[in-house]
């Protein structure tokens, strides 16, 4: 989701789907019952082609 450009410089992108994934990751309780879903949400979606 981000690209390191140099010291303290990043390029960050997120389309609507990424924002939804990040929001769900933030809101999902860290419990054993959610372990599989948390693992899915921790993996970013591929960056869209330009």
Protein backbone atom coordinates (compact mmCIF):
# COMPACT_ATOMS: atom_id res chain seq x y z
CA UNK A 1 0.00 0.00 0.00
CA UNK A 2 2.96 2.30 0.29
CA UNK A 3 6.21 2.65 -1.55
CA UNK A 4 9.37 3.80 0.20
CA UNK A 5 11.03 6.63 -1.73
CA UNK A 6 13.79 7.60 0.63
CA UNK A 7 14.32 8.75 4.15
CA UNK A 8 10.89 9.66 5.59
CA UNK A 9 9.21 9.74 2.14
CA UNK A 10 6.37 7.43 1.16
CA UNK A 11 3.81 7.22 -1.62
CA UNK A 12 0.55 5.86 -0.27
CA UNK A 13 -2.37 4.72 -2.38
CA UNK A 14 -5.72 3.25 -1.46
CA UNK A 15 -8.76 2.85 -3.65
CA UNK A 16 -12.27 2.41 -2.24
CA UNK A 17 -11.80 -1.35 -1.81
CA UNK A 18 -8.59 -0.85 0.16
CA UNK A 19 -10.26 1.69 2.43
CA UNK A 20 -13.06 -0.80 3.08
CA UNK A 21 -10.52 -3.54 3.89
CA UNK A 22 -8.57 -1.27 6.23
CA UNK A 23 -11.73 -0.08 7.97
CA UNK A 24 -12.89 -3.66 8.56
CA UNK A 25 -9.43 -4.64 9.79
CA UNK A 26 -9.49 -1.75 12.25
CA UNK A 27 -12.98 -2.55 13.55
CA UNK A 28 -12.78 -6.37 13.75
CA UNK A 29 -12.26 -7.62 17.32
CA UNK A 30 -8.99 -9.50 17.86
CA UNK A 31 -10.51 -12.76 19.04
CA UNK A 32 -9.88 -16.41 18.29
CA UNK A 33 -13.21 -16.59 16.44
CA UNK A 34 -12.03 -13.91 13.96
CA UNK A 35 -8.55 -15.38 13.42
CA UNK A 36 -9.17 -16.49 9.80
CA UNK A 37 -10.83 -13.21 8.76
CA UNK A 38 -8.04 -11.18 10.36
CA UNK A 39 -5.48 -13.17 8.36
CA UNK A 40 -7.38 -12.39 5.14
CA UNK A 41 -7.65 -8.70 5.96
CA UNK A 42 -3.97 -8.33 6.83
CA UNK A 43 -2.98 -9.14 3.24
CA UNK A 44 -3.35 -6.06 1.02
CA UNK A 45 -5.12 -6.32 -2.31
CA UNK A 46 -2.93 -6.08 -5.42
CA UNK A 47 -2.24 -2.55 -6.57
CA UNK A 48 -4.44 -1.67 -9.56
CA UNK A 49 -2.79 -1.18 -12.94
CA UNK A 50 -2.25 2.39 -14.06
